[in-house]
PDB file of N, CA and C in Angstrom:
ATOM      1  N   MET A   1       0.833  -1.182   0.000  1.00  0.00           N
ATOM      2  CA  MET A   1       0.000   0.000   0.000  1.00  0.00           C
ATOM      3  C   MET A   1       0.880   1.249   0.000  1.00  0.00           C
ATOM      4  N   GLU A   2       0.660   2.120  -0.947  1.00  0.00           N
ATOM      5  CA  GLU A   2       1.430   3.353  -1.055  1.00  0.00           C
ATOM      6  C   GLU A   2       0.927   4.363  -0.028  1.00  0.00           C
ATOM      7  N   LYS A   3       1.871   5.011   0.656  1.00  0.00           N
ATOM      8  CA  LYS A   3       1.498   6.040   1.622  1.00  0.00           C
ATOM      9  C   LYS A   3       1.455   7.384   0.918  1.00  0.00           C
ATOM     10  N   ILE A   4       0.512   8.230   1.350  1.00  0.00           N
ATOM     11  CA  ILE A   4       0.388   9.562   0.782  1.00  0.00           C
ATOM     12  C   ILE A   4       0.405  10.583   1.906  1.00  0.00           C
ATOM     13  N   ALA A   5       0.693  11.815   1.569  1.00  0.00           N
ATOM     14  CA  ALA A   5       0.687  12.892   2.558  1.00  0.00           C
ATOM     15  C   ALA A   5      -0.711  13.029   3.150  1.00  0.00           C
ATOM     16  N   ALA A   6      -0.769  13.454   4.405  1.00  0.00           N
ATOM     17  CA  ALA A   6      -2.051  13.628   5.079  1.00  0.00           C
ATOM     18  C   ALA A   6      -1.955  14.819   6.022  1.00  0.00           C
ATOM     19  N   LEU A   7      -3.081  15.396   6.322  1.00  0.00           N
ATOM     20  CA  LEU A   7      -3.158  16.544   7.216  1.00  0.00           C
ATOM     21  C   LEU A   7      -4.139  16.227   8.336  1.00  0.00           C
ATOM     22  N   LEU A   8      -3.724  16.440   9.557  1.00  0.00           N
ATOM     23  CA  LEU A   8      -4.582  16.229  10.718  1.00  0.00           C
ATOM     24  C   LEU A   8      -4.900  17.599  11.299  1.00  0.00           C
ATOM     25  N   GLU A   9      -6.154  17.940  11.362  1.00  0.00           N
ATOM     26  CA  GLU A   9      -6.569  19.234  11.901  1.00  0.00           C
ATOM     27  C   GLU A   9      -6.412  19.249  13.419  1.00  0.00           C
ATOM     28  N   ARG A  10      -6.099  20.416  13.960  1.00  0.00           N
ATOM     29  CA  ARG A  10      -5.922  20.569  15.401  1.00  0.00           C
ATOM     30  C   ARG A  10      -7.138  20.046  16.176  1.00  0.00           C
ATOM     31  N   ALA A  11      -8.325  20.295  15.677  1.00  0.00           N
ATOM     32  CA  ALA A  11      -9.551  19.845  16.350  1.00  0.00           C
ATOM     33  C   ALA A  11      -9.640  18.327  16.430  1.00  0.00           C
ATOM     34  N   GLN A  12      -8.851  17.617  15.612  1.00  0.00           N
ATOM     35  CA  GLN A  12      -8.877  16.155  15.611  1.00  0.00           C
ATOM     36  C   GLN A  12      -7.956  15.547  16.660  1.00  0.00           C
ATOM     37  N   TRP A  13      -7.055  16.334  17.280  1.00  0.00           N
ATOM     38  CA  TRP A  13      -6.153  15.783  18.289  1.00  0.00           C
ATOM     39  C   TRP A  13      -6.132  16.594  19.580  1.00  0.00           C
ATOM     40  N   ALA A  14      -6.381  17.895  19.514  1.00  0.00           N
ATOM     41  CA  ALA A  14      -6.221  18.769  20.683  1.00  0.00           C
ATOM     42  C   ALA A  14      -7.434  18.717  21.607  1.00  0.00           C
ATOM     43  N   GLU A  15      -7.175  18.740  22.913  1.00  0.00           N
ATOM     44  CA  GLU A  15      -8.253  18.775  23.898  1.00  0.00           C
ATOM     45  C   GLU A  15      -8.889  20.159  23.979  1.00  0.00           C
ATOM     46  N   LYS A  16      -8.072  21.205  23.719  1.00  0.00           N
ATOM     47  CA  LYS A  16      -8.550  22.589  23.755  1.00  0.00           C
ATOM     48  C   LYS A  16      -7.930  23.335  22.570  1.00  0.00           C
ATOM     49  N   PRO A  17      -8.617  24.347  22.064  1.00  0.00           N
ATOM     50  CA  PRO A  17      -8.096  25.035  20.879  1.00  0.00           C
ATOM     51  C   PRO A  17      -6.873  25.905  21.144  1.00  0.00           C
ATOM     52  N   ASP A  18      -6.598  26.247  22.408  1.00  0.00           N
ATOM     53  CA  ASP A  18      -5.514  27.179  22.704  1.00  0.00           C
ATOM     54  C   ASP A  18      -4.390  26.589  23.573  1.00  0.00           C
ATOM     55  N   VAL A  19      -4.391  25.273  23.787  1.00  0.00           N
ATOM     56  CA  VAL A  19      -3.381  24.627  24.620  1.00  0.00           C
ATOM     57  C   VAL A  19      -2.832  23.411  23.881  1.00  0.00           C
ATOM     58  N   TRP A  20      -1.510  23.233  23.952  1.00  0.00           N
ATOM     59  CA  TRP A  20      -0.879  22.068  23.324  1.00  0.00           C
ATOM     60  C   TRP A  20      -1.050  20.861  24.243  1.00  0.00           C
ATOM     61  N   LYS A  21      -2.237  20.276  24.219  1.00  0.00           N
ATOM     62  CA  LYS A  21      -2.524  19.080  25.001  1.00  0.00           C
ATOM     63  C   LYS A  21      -3.463  18.195  24.192  1.00  0.00           C
ATOM     64  N   GLY A  22      -3.047  16.948  23.982  1.00  0.00           N
ATOM     65  CA  GLY A  22      -3.836  16.008  23.201  1.00  0.00           C
ATOM     66  C   GLY A  22      -2.929  14.927  22.645  1.00  0.00           C
ATOM     67  N   GLU A  23      -3.452  14.135  21.727  1.00  0.00           N
ATOM     68  CA  GLU A  23      -2.670  13.005  21.206  1.00  0.00           C
ATOM     69  C   GLU A  23      -3.235  12.511  19.891  1.00  0.00           C
ATOM     70  N   PHE A  24      -2.408  11.777  19.169  1.00  0.00           N
ATOM     71  CA  PHE A  24      -2.883  11.031  18.003  1.00  0.00           C
ATOM     72  C   PHE A  24      -2.039   9.779  17.844  1.00  0.00           C
ATOM     73  N   GLU A  25      -2.650   8.750  17.277  1.00  0.00           N
ATOM     74  CA  GLU A  25      -1.961   7.474  17.058  1.00  0.00           C
ATOM     75  C   GLU A  25      -1.472   7.375  15.620  1.00  0.00           C
ATOM     76  N   GLY A  26      -0.293   6.802  15.455  1.00  0.00           N
ATOM     77  CA  GLY A  26       0.319   6.664  14.153  1.00  0.00           C
ATOM     78  C   GLY A  26      -0.458   5.800  13.185  1.00  0.00           C
ATOM     79  N   LYS A  27      -1.244   4.862  13.708  1.00  0.00           N
ATOM     80  CA  LYS A  27      -1.997   3.979  12.810  1.00  0.00           C
ATOM     81  C   LYS A  27      -2.942   4.767  11.923  1.00  0.00           C
ATOM     82  N   ARG A  28      -3.288   5.957  12.355  1.00  0.00           N
ATOM     83  CA  ARG A  28      -4.133   6.835  11.541  1.00  0.00           C
ATOM     84  C   ARG A  28      -3.473   7.138  10.194  1.00  0.00           C
ATOM     85  N   PHE A  29      -2.126   7.141  10.202  1.00  0.00           N
ATOM     86  CA  PHE A  29      -1.359   7.427   8.995  1.00  0.00           C
ATOM     87  C   PHE A  29      -0.633   6.202   8.452  1.00  0.00           C
ATOM     88  N   GLY A  30      -0.767   5.062   9.135  1.00  0.00           N
ATOM     89  CA  GLY A  30      -0.055   3.864   8.719  1.00  0.00           C
ATOM     90  C   GLY A  30       1.425   3.927   9.043  1.00  0.00           C
ATOM     91  N   THR A  31       1.759   4.578  10.173  1.00  0.00           N
ATOM     92  CA  THR A  31       3.162   4.711  10.567  1.00  0.00           C
ATOM     93  C   THR A  31       3.355   4.281  12.021  1.00  0.00           C
ATOM     94  N   ASN A  32       4.596   4.029  12.404  1.00  0.00           N
ATOM     95  CA  ASN A  32       4.909   3.512  13.740  1.00  0.00           C
ATOM     96  C   ASN A  32       5.378   4.584  14.713  1.00  0.00           C
ATOM     97  N   VAL A  33       4.702   5.707  14.732  1.00  0.00           N
ATOM     98  CA  VAL A  33       4.960   6.713  15.760  1.00  0.00           C
ATOM     99  C   VAL A  33       3.634   7.363  16.142  1.00  0.00           C
ATOM    100  N   SER A  34       3.400   7.434  17.452  1.00  0.00           N
ATOM    101  CA  SER A  34       2.231   8.111  17.998  1.00  0.00           C
ATOM    102  C   SER A  34       2.746   9.271  18.841  1.00  0.00           C
ATOM    103  N   VAL A  35       1.940  10.318  18.985  1.00  0.00           N
ATOM    104  CA  VAL A  35       2.409  11.534  19.646  1.00  0.00           C
ATOM    105  C   VAL A  35       1.426  11.966  20.729  1.00  0.00           C
ATOM    106  N   VAL A  36       1.994  12.337  21.881  1.00  0.00           N
ATOM    107  CA  VAL A  36       1.222  12.931  22.965  1.00  0.00           C
ATOM    108  C   VAL A  36       1.790  14.323  23.206  1.00  0.00           C
ATOM    109  N   PHE A  37       0.921  15.332  23.187  1.00  0.00           N
ATOM    110  CA  PHE A  37       1.288  16.696  23.561  1.00  0.00           C
ATOM    111  C   PHE A  37       0.798  16.893  24.986  1.00  0.00           C
ATOM    112  N   TYR A  38       1.719  17.241  25.893  1.00  0.00           N
ATOM    113  CA  TYR A  38       1.356  17.378  27.305  1.00  0.00           C
ATOM    114  C   TYR A  38       1.637  18.811  27.749  1.00  0.00           C
ATOM    115  N   THR A  39       0.696  19.398  28.477  1.00  0.00           N
ATOM    116  CA  THR A  39       0.847  20.754  29.014  1.00  0.00           C
ATOM    117  C   THR A  39       0.228  20.811  30.395  1.00  0.00           C
ATOM    118  N   THR A  40       0.955  21.448  31.322  1.00  0.00           N
ATOM    119  CA  THR A  40       0.381  21.760  32.631  1.00  0.00           C
ATOM    120  C   THR A  40       1.015  23.050  33.139  1.00  0.00           C
ATOM    121  N   ASP A  41       0.201  23.872  33.781  1.00  0.00           N
ATOM    122  CA  ASP A  41       0.683  25.099  34.415  1.00  0.00           C
ATOM    123  C   ASP A  41       0.956  24.890  35.904  1.00  0.00           C
ATOM    124  N   GLU A  42       0.605  23.713  36.416  1.00  0.00           N
ATOM    125  CA  GLU A  42       0.676  23.442  37.850  1.00  0.00           C
ATOM    126  C   GLU A  42       1.974  22.735  38.236  1.00  0.00           C
ATOM    127  N   PRO A  43       2.861  23.404  39.017  1.00  0.00           N
ATOM    128  CA  PRO A  43       4.061  22.721  39.500  1.00  0.00           C
ATOM    129  C   PRO A  43       3.678  21.483  40.316  1.00  0.00           C
ATOM    130  N   GLY A  44       4.462  20.416  40.163  1.00  0.00           N
ATOM    131  CA  GLY A  44       4.197  19.157  40.856  1.00  0.00           C
ATOM    132  C   GLY A  44       3.281  18.227  40.085  1.00  0.00           C
ATOM    133  N   ARG A  45       2.673  18.712  39.020  1.00  0.00           N
ATOM    134  CA  ARG A  45       1.718  17.918  38.228  1.00  0.00           C
ATOM    135  C   ARG A  45       2.442  17.222  37.076  1.00  0.00           C
ATOM    136  N   GLY A  46       1.985  16.007  36.774  1.00  0.00           N
ATOM    137  CA  GLY A  46       2.527  15.242  35.654  1.00  0.00           C
ATOM    138  C   GLY A  46       1.829  13.900  35.578  1.00  0.00           C
ATOM    139  N   PRO A  47       2.140  13.128  34.561  1.00  0.00           N
ATOM    140  CA  PRO A  47       1.515  11.811  34.436  1.00  0.00           C
ATOM    141  C   PRO A  47       1.983  10.859  35.541  1.00  0.00           C
ATOM    142  N   PRO A  48       1.166   9.871  35.890  1.00  0.00           N
ATOM    143  CA  PRO A  48       1.557   8.905  36.922  1.00  0.00           C
ATOM    144  C   PRO A  48       2.665   7.979  36.407  1.00  0.00           C
ATOM    145  N   LEU A  49       3.293   7.282  37.337  1.00  0.00           N
ATOM    146  CA  LEU A  49       4.295   6.285  36.965  1.00  0.00           C
ATOM    147  C   LEU A  49       3.632   5.239  36.072  1.00  0.00           C
ATOM    148  N   HIS A  50       4.265   4.964  34.934  1.00  0.00           N
ATOM    149  CA  HIS A  50       3.698   4.021  33.975  1.00  0.00           C
ATOM    150  C   HIS A  50       4.812   3.453  33.104  1.00  0.00           C
ATOM    151  N   ARG A  51       4.445   2.527  32.218  1.00  0.00           N
ATOM    152  CA  ARG A  51       5.414   1.983  31.263  1.00  0.00           C
ATOM    153  C   ARG A  51       4.693   1.627  29.972  1.00  0.00           C
ATOM    154  N   HIS A  52       5.504   1.492  28.924  1.00  0.00           N
ATOM    155  CA  HIS A  52       5.012   1.129  27.601  1.00  0.00           C
ATOM    156  C   HIS A  52       5.863  -0.025  27.071  1.00  0.00           C
ATOM    157  N   PRO A  53       5.328  -0.856  26.183  1.00  0.00           N
ATOM    158  CA  PRO A  53       6.117  -1.946  25.599  1.00  0.00           C
ATOM    159  C   PRO A  53       6.948  -1.476  24.401  1.00  0.00           C
ATOM    160  N   TYR A  54       7.241  -0.190  24.340  1.00  0.00           N
ATOM    161  CA  TYR A  54       8.028   0.409  23.254  1.00  0.00           C
ATOM    162  C   TYR A  54       8.773   1.621  23.814  1.00  0.00           C
ATOM    163  N   ASP A  55       9.763   2.095  23.080  1.00  0.00           N
ATOM    164  CA  ASP A  55      10.534   3.269  23.479  1.00  0.00           C
ATOM    165  C   ASP A  55       9.678   4.536  23.402  1.00  0.00           C
ATOM    166  N   GLU A  56      10.086   5.527  24.205  1.00  0.00           N
ATOM    167  CA  GLU A  56       9.431   6.841  24.167  1.00  0.00           C
ATOM    168  C   GLU A  56      10.500   7.926  24.233  1.00  0.00           C
ATOM    169  N   VAL A  57      10.294   8.981  23.471  1.00  0.00           N
ATOM    170  CA  VAL A  57      11.215  10.122  23.440  1.00  0.00           C
ATOM    171  C   VAL A  57      10.417  11.353  23.861  1.00  0.00           C
ATOM    172  N   PHE A  58      10.934  12.077  24.857  1.00  0.00           N
ATOM    173  CA  PHE A  58      10.267  13.265  25.396  1.00  0.00           C
ATOM    174  C   PHE A  58      11.042  14.505  24.954  1.00  0.00           C
ATOM    175  N   ILE A  59      10.359  15.434  24.330  1.00  0.00           N
ATOM    176  CA  ILE A  59      10.959  16.703  23.944  1.00  0.00           C
ATOM    177  C   ILE A  59      10.364  17.776  24.852  1.00  0.00           C
ATOM    178  N   VAL A  60      11.211  18.417  25.658  1.00  0.00           N
ATOM    179  CA  VAL A  60      10.729  19.475  26.542  1.00  0.00           C
ATOM    180  C   VAL A  60      10.699  20.767  25.723  1.00  0.00           C
ATOM    181  N   ARG A  61       9.505  21.267  25.479  1.00  0.00           N
ATOM    182  CA  ARG A  61       9.333  22.458  24.642  1.00  0.00           C
ATOM    183  C   ARG A  61       9.347  23.742  25.449  1.00  0.00           C
ATOM    184  N   GLU A  62       8.857  23.668  26.698  1.00  0.00           N
ATOM    185  CA  GLU A  62       8.796  24.856  27.546  1.00  0.00           C
ATOM    186  C   GLU A  62       8.845  24.413  28.995  1.00  0.00           C
ATOM    187  N   GLY A  63       9.549  25.165  29.828  1.00  0.00           N
ATOM    188  CA  GLY A  63       9.559  24.903  31.259  1.00  0.00           C
ATOM    189  C   GLY A  63      10.654  23.953  31.712  1.00  0.00           C
ATOM    190  N   ARG A  64      10.434  23.422  32.930  1.00  0.00           N
ATOM    191  CA  ARG A  64      11.381  22.510  33.583  1.00  0.00           C
ATOM    192  C   ARG A  64      10.620  21.308  34.108  1.00  0.00           C
ATOM    193  N   ALA A  65      11.231  20.125  33.965  1.00  0.00           N
ATOM    194  CA  ALA A  65      10.585  18.898  34.429  1.00  0.00           C
ATOM    195  C   ALA A  65      11.591  18.012  35.135  1.00  0.00           C
ATOM    196  N   LEU A  66      11.095  17.251  36.094  1.00  0.00           N
ATOM    197  CA  LEU A  66      11.888  16.206  36.731  1.00  0.00           C
ATOM    198  C   LEU A  66      11.345  14.883  36.214  1.00  0.00           C
ATOM    199  N   PHE A  67      12.184  14.172  35.461  1.00  0.00           N
ATOM    200  CA  PHE A  67      11.832  12.868  34.916  1.00  0.00           C
ATOM    201  C   PHE A  67      12.383  11.782  35.818  1.00  0.00           C
ATOM    202  N   THR A  68      11.590  10.768  36.072  1.00  0.00           N
ATOM    203  CA  THR A  68      12.044   9.549  36.714  1.00  0.00           C
ATOM    204  C   THR A  68      11.924   8.459  35.659  1.00  0.00           C
ATOM    205  N   VAL A  69      13.065   7.864  35.309  1.00  0.00           N
ATOM    206  CA  VAL A  69      13.111   6.802  34.302  1.00  0.00           C
ATOM    207  C   VAL A  69      13.864   5.641  34.941  1.00  0.00           C
ATOM    208  N   GLY A  70      13.115   4.610  35.330  1.00  0.00           N
ATOM    209  CA  GLY A  70      13.735   3.520  36.087  1.00  0.00           C
ATOM    210  C   GLY A  70      14.264   4.073  37.401  1.00  0.00           C
ATOM    211  N   ASP A  71      15.563   3.845  37.678  1.00  0.00           N
ATOM    212  CA  ASP A  71      16.184   4.335  38.910  1.00  0.00           C
ATOM    213  C   ASP A  71      16.810   5.709  38.752  1.00  0.00           C
ATOM    214  N   GLN A  72      16.742   6.282  37.565  1.00  0.00           N
ATOM    215  CA  GLN A  72      17.382   7.573  37.308  1.00  0.00           C
ATOM    216  C   GLN A  72      16.401   8.724  37.461  1.00  0.00           C
ATOM    217  N   GLN A  73      16.909   9.861  37.948  1.00  0.00           N
ATOM    218  CA  GLN A  73      16.150  11.103  37.956  1.00  0.00           C
ATOM    219  C   GLN A  73      16.936  12.115  37.128  1.00  0.00           C
ATOM    220  N   LEU A  74      16.221  12.735  36.185  1.00  0.00           N
ATOM    221  CA  LEU A  74      16.837  13.674  35.254  1.00  0.00           C
ATOM    222  C   LEU A  74      16.037  14.963  35.262  1.00  0.00           C
ATOM    223  N   GLU A  75      16.717  16.085  35.504  1.00  0.00           N
ATOM    224  CA  GLU A  75      16.052  17.370  35.401  1.00  0.00           C
ATOM    225  C   GLU A  75      16.281  17.891  33.992  1.00  0.00           C
ATOM    226  N   ALA A  76      15.202  18.189  33.286  1.00  0.00           N
ATOM    227  CA  ALA A  76      15.296  18.633  31.901  1.00  0.00           C
ATOM    228  C   ALA A  76      14.608  19.979  31.738  1.00  0.00           C
ATOM    229  N   THR A  77      15.167  20.811  30.860  1.00  0.00           N
ATOM    230  CA  THR A  77      14.607  22.126  30.587  1.00  0.00           C
ATOM    231  C   THR A  77      14.307  22.258  29.097  1.00  0.00           C
ATOM    232  N   ALA A  78      13.635  23.339  28.757  1.00  0.00           N
ATOM    233  CA  ALA A  78      13.228  23.584  27.369  1.00  0.00           C
ATOM    234  C   ALA A  78      14.402  23.368  26.417  1.00  0.00           C
ATOM    235  N   GLY A  79      14.146  22.591  25.378  1.00  0.00           N
ATOM    236  CA  GLY A  79      15.162  22.291  24.376  1.00  0.00           C
ATOM    237  C   GLY A  79      15.885  20.981  24.599  1.00  0.00           C
ATOM    238  N   GLN A  80      15.715  20.380  25.762  1.00  0.00           N
ATOM    239  CA  GLN A  80      16.372  19.103  26.031  1.00  0.00           C
ATOM    240  C   GLN A  80      15.428  17.941  25.699  1.00  0.00           C
ATOM    241  N   ILE A  81      16.033  16.775  25.462  1.00  0.00           N
ATOM    242  CA  ILE A  81      15.304  15.575  25.070  1.00  0.00           C
ATOM    243  C   ILE A  81      15.665  14.443  26.022  1.00  0.00           C
ATOM    244  N   VAL A  82      14.664  13.703  26.472  1.00  0.00           N
ATOM    245  CA  VAL A  82      14.854  12.575  27.391  1.00  0.00           C
ATOM    246  C   VAL A  82      14.386  11.305  26.686  1.00  0.00           C
ATOM    247  N   PHE A  83      15.148  10.230  26.835  1.00  0.00           N
ATOM    248  CA  PHE A  83      14.807   8.941  26.245  1.00  0.00           C
ATOM    249  C   PHE A  83      14.335   7.990  27.328  1.00  0.00           C
ATOM    250  N   GLY A  84      13.212   7.320  27.081  1.00  0.00           N
ATOM    251  CA  GLY A  84      12.682   6.304  27.987  1.00  0.00           C
ATOM    252  C   GLY A  84      12.619   4.965  27.268  1.00  0.00           C
ATOM    253  N   PRO A  85      13.444   4.001  27.670  1.00  0.00           N
ATOM    254  CA  PRO A  85      13.446   2.686  27.004  1.00  0.00           C
ATOM    255  C   PRO A  85      12.152   1.905  27.236  1.00  0.00           C
ATOM    256  N   ALA A  86      11.857   1.020  26.329  1.00  0.00           N
ATOM    257  CA  ALA A  86      10.684   0.155  26.428  1.00  0.00           C
ATOM    258  C   ALA A  86      10.671  -0.596  27.756  1.00  0.00           C
ATOM    259  N   ASN A  87       9.499  -0.728  28.344  1.00  0.00           N
ATOM    260  CA  ASN A  87       9.243  -1.504  29.559  1.00  0.00           C
ATOM    261  C   ASN A  87       9.865  -0.939  30.830  1.00  0.00           C
ATOM    262  N   VAL A  88      10.484   0.247  30.773  1.00  0.00           N
ATOM    263  CA  VAL A  88      11.073   0.872  31.956  1.00  0.00           C
ATOM    264  C   VAL A  88      10.056   1.865  32.523  1.00  0.00           C
ATOM    265  N   PRO A  89       9.658   1.705  33.789  1.00  0.00           N
ATOM    266  CA  PRO A  89       8.705   2.634  34.386  1.00  0.00           C
ATOM    267  C   PRO A  89       9.248   4.067  34.361  1.00  0.00           C
ATOM    268  N   HIS A  90       8.353   5.016  34.093  1.00  0.00           N
ATOM    269  CA  HIS A  90       8.769   6.414  34.028  1.00  0.00           C
ATOM    270  C   HIS A  90       7.597   7.340  34.341  1.00  0.00           C
ATOM    271  N   LYS A  91       7.957   8.566  34.695  1.00  0.00           N
ATOM    272  CA  LYS A  91       6.992   9.638  34.931  1.00  0.00           C
ATOM    273  C   LYS A  91       7.765  10.951  34.901  1.00  0.00           C
ATOM    274  N   PHE A  92       7.041  12.060  34.903  1.00  0.00           N
ATOM    275  CA  PHE A  92       7.687  13.364  35.038  1.00  0.00           C
ATOM    276  C   PHE A  92       6.715  14.328  35.690  1.00  0.00           C
ATOM    277  N   ILE A  93       7.284  15.378  36.302  1.00  0.00           N
ATOM    278  CA  ILE A  93       6.466  16.422  36.924  1.00  0.00           C
ATOM    279  C   ILE A  93       7.005  17.783  36.517  1.00  0.00           C
ATOM    280  N   ASN A  94       6.120  18.754  36.536  1.00  0.00           N
ATOM    281  CA  ASN A  94       6.478  20.141  36.278  1.00  0.00           C
ATOM    282  C   ASN A  94       7.204  20.687  37.510  1.00  0.00           C
ATOM    283  N   LEU A  95       8.425  21.158  37.314  1.00  0.00           N
ATOM    284  CA  LEU A  95       9.180  21.747  38.421  1.00  0.00           C
ATOM    285  C   LEU A  95       8.856  23.227  38.609  1.00  0.00           C
ATOM    286  N   GLY A  96       8.201  23.848  37.609  1.00  0.00           N
ATOM    287  CA  GLY A  96       7.860  25.253  37.713  1.00  0.00           C
ATOM    288  C   GLY A  96       9.105  26.121  37.704  1.00  0.00           C
ATOM    289  N   PRO A  97       9.027  27.391  37.857  1.00  0.00           N
ATOM    290  CA  PRO A  97       7.741  28.084  37.851  1.00  0.00           C
ATOM    291  C   PRO A  97       7.166  28.119  36.440  1.00  0.00           C
ATOM    292  N   GLY A  98       5.874  28.233  36.333  1.00  0.00           N
ATOM    293  CA  GLY A  98       5.246  28.387  35.029  1.00  0.00           C
ATOM    294  C   GLY A  98       4.897  27.084  34.345  1.00  0.00           C
ATOM    295  N   ARG A  99       4.616  27.206  33.061  1.00  0.00           N
ATOM    296  CA  ARG A  99       4.095  26.121  32.238  1.00  0.00           C
ATOM    297  C   ARG A  99       5.172  25.113  31.860  1.00  0.00           C
ATOM    298  N   LEU A 100       4.755  23.849  31.799  1.00  0.00           N
ATOM    299  CA  LEU A 100       5.560  22.773  31.236  1.00  0.00           C
ATOM    300  C   LEU A 100       4.832  22.271  29.998  1.00  0.00           C
ATOM    301  N   GLU A 101       5.558  22.203  28.866  1.00  0.00           N
ATOM    302  CA  GLU A 101       5.028  21.621  27.637  1.00  0.00           C
ATOM    303  C   GLU A 101       6.011  20.586  27.134  1.00  0.00           C
ATOM    304  N   THR A 102       5.509  19.402  26.846  1.00  0.00           N
ATOM    305  CA  THR A 102       6.342  18.359  26.243  1.00  0.00           C
ATOM    306  C   THR A 102       5.643  17.798  25.014  1.00  0.00           C
ATOM    307  N   THR A 103       6.438  17.309  24.101  1.00  0.00           N
ATOM    308  CA  THR A 103       5.946  16.531  22.972  1.00  0.00           C
ATOM    309  C   THR A 103       6.566  15.158  23.143  1.00  0.00           C
ATOM    310  N   ASP A 104       5.740  14.129  23.299  1.00  0.00           N
ATOM    311  CA  ASP A 104       6.199  12.783  23.637  1.00  0.00           C
ATOM    312  C   ASP A 104       5.964  11.853  22.450  1.00  0.00           C
ATOM    313  N   LEU A 105       7.055  11.315  21.910  1.00  0.00           N
ATOM    314  CA  LEU A 105       6.995  10.443  20.745  1.00  0.00           C
ATOM    315  C   LEU A 105       7.008   8.992  21.191  1.00  0.00           C
ATOM    316  N   HIS A 106       5.950   8.278  20.888  1.00  0.00           N
ATOM    317  CA  HIS A 106       5.812   6.866  21.232  1.00  0.00           C
ATOM    318  C   HIS A 106       6.127   6.053  19.980  1.00  0.00           C
ATOM    319  N   VAL A 107       7.121   5.179  20.073  1.00  0.00           N
ATOM    320  CA  VAL A 107       7.563   4.407  18.907  1.00  0.00           C
ATOM    321  C   VAL A 107       6.636   3.201  18.734  1.00  0.00           C
ATOM    322  N   SER A 108       5.403   3.508  18.321  1.00  0.00           N
ATOM    323  CA  SER A 108       4.352   2.505  18.155  1.00  0.00           C
ATOM    324  C   SER A 108       3.231   3.133  17.339  1.00  0.00           C
ATOM    325  N   ASP A 109       2.498   2.321  16.631  1.00  0.00           N
ATOM    326  CA  ASP A 109       1.374   2.854  15.863  1.00  0.00           C
ATOM    327  C   ASP A 109       0.134   3.080  16.734  1.00  0.00           C
ATOM    328  N   GLU A 110       0.196   2.621  18.003  1.00  0.00           N
ATOM    329  CA  GLU A 110      -0.897   2.887  18.935  1.00  0.00           C
ATOM    330  C   GLU A 110      -0.348   3.160  20.317  1.00  0.00           C
ATOM    331  N   LEU A 111      -1.103   3.895  21.119  1.00  0.00           N
ATOM    332  CA  LEU A 111      -0.690   4.228  22.482  1.00  0.00           C
ATOM    333  C   LEU A 111      -1.097   3.094  23.421  1.00  0.00           C
ATOM    334  N   ILE A 112      -0.096   2.503  24.074  1.00  0.00           N
ATOM    335  CA  ILE A 112      -0.322   1.409  25.022  1.00  0.00           C
ATOM    336  C   ILE A 112       0.358   1.812  26.318  1.00  0.00           C
ATOM    337  N   GLN A 113      -0.382   1.897  27.404  1.00  0.00           N
ATOM    338  CA  GLN A 113       0.188   2.345  28.663  1.00  0.00           C
ATOM    339  C   GLN A 113      -0.341   1.520  29.820  1.00  0.00           C
ATOM    340  N   GLU A 114       0.589   1.074  30.667  1.00  0.00           N
ATOM    341  CA  GLU A 114       0.237   0.383  31.909  1.00  0.00           C
ATOM    342  C   GLU A 114       0.564   1.312  33.066  1.00  0.00           C
ATOM    343  N   ASN A 115      -0.469   1.838  33.737  1.00  0.00           N
ATOM    344  CA  ASN A 115      -0.245   2.707  34.879  1.00  0.00           C
ATOM    345  C   ASN A 115       0.192   1.878  36.084  1.00  0.00           C
ATOM    346  N   LEU A 116       1.194   2.385  36.809  1.00  0.00           N
ATOM    347  CA  LEU A 116       1.771   1.645  37.938  1.00  0.00           C
ATOM    348  C   LEU A 116       1.477   2.308  39.276  1.00  0.00           C
ATOM    349  N   GLU A 117       0.841   3.468  39.261  1.00  0.00           N
ATOM    350  CA  GLU A 117       0.429   4.138  40.499  1.00  0.00           C
ATOM    351  C   GLU A 117      -0.862   4.873  40.294  1.00  0.00           C
TER     352      GLU A 117
END
């Protein structure tokens, strides 16, 4: 099957029209990458400890975050990238002050997550 260019409208993935928060699965395009856009203005807030059966790459677009990946803790700021290997529990929180925005690349055509807390 030949792949062709496609356009996904913001309303098809975003939770709100003015905030970078939402997701889409790669299977929509026939590709092996899914994307989660995460935003929070609240320091201390972030996704719960979880794992995926595939690798994940986190791009910090704005703010500061504390990532826990397995036994490691990594403080990342805007412009830095964090790698989370498949099956390794991970989470992150907004260290503040201000907004945290990440773009999270899931190396899978669908989002699969096992929450651990």
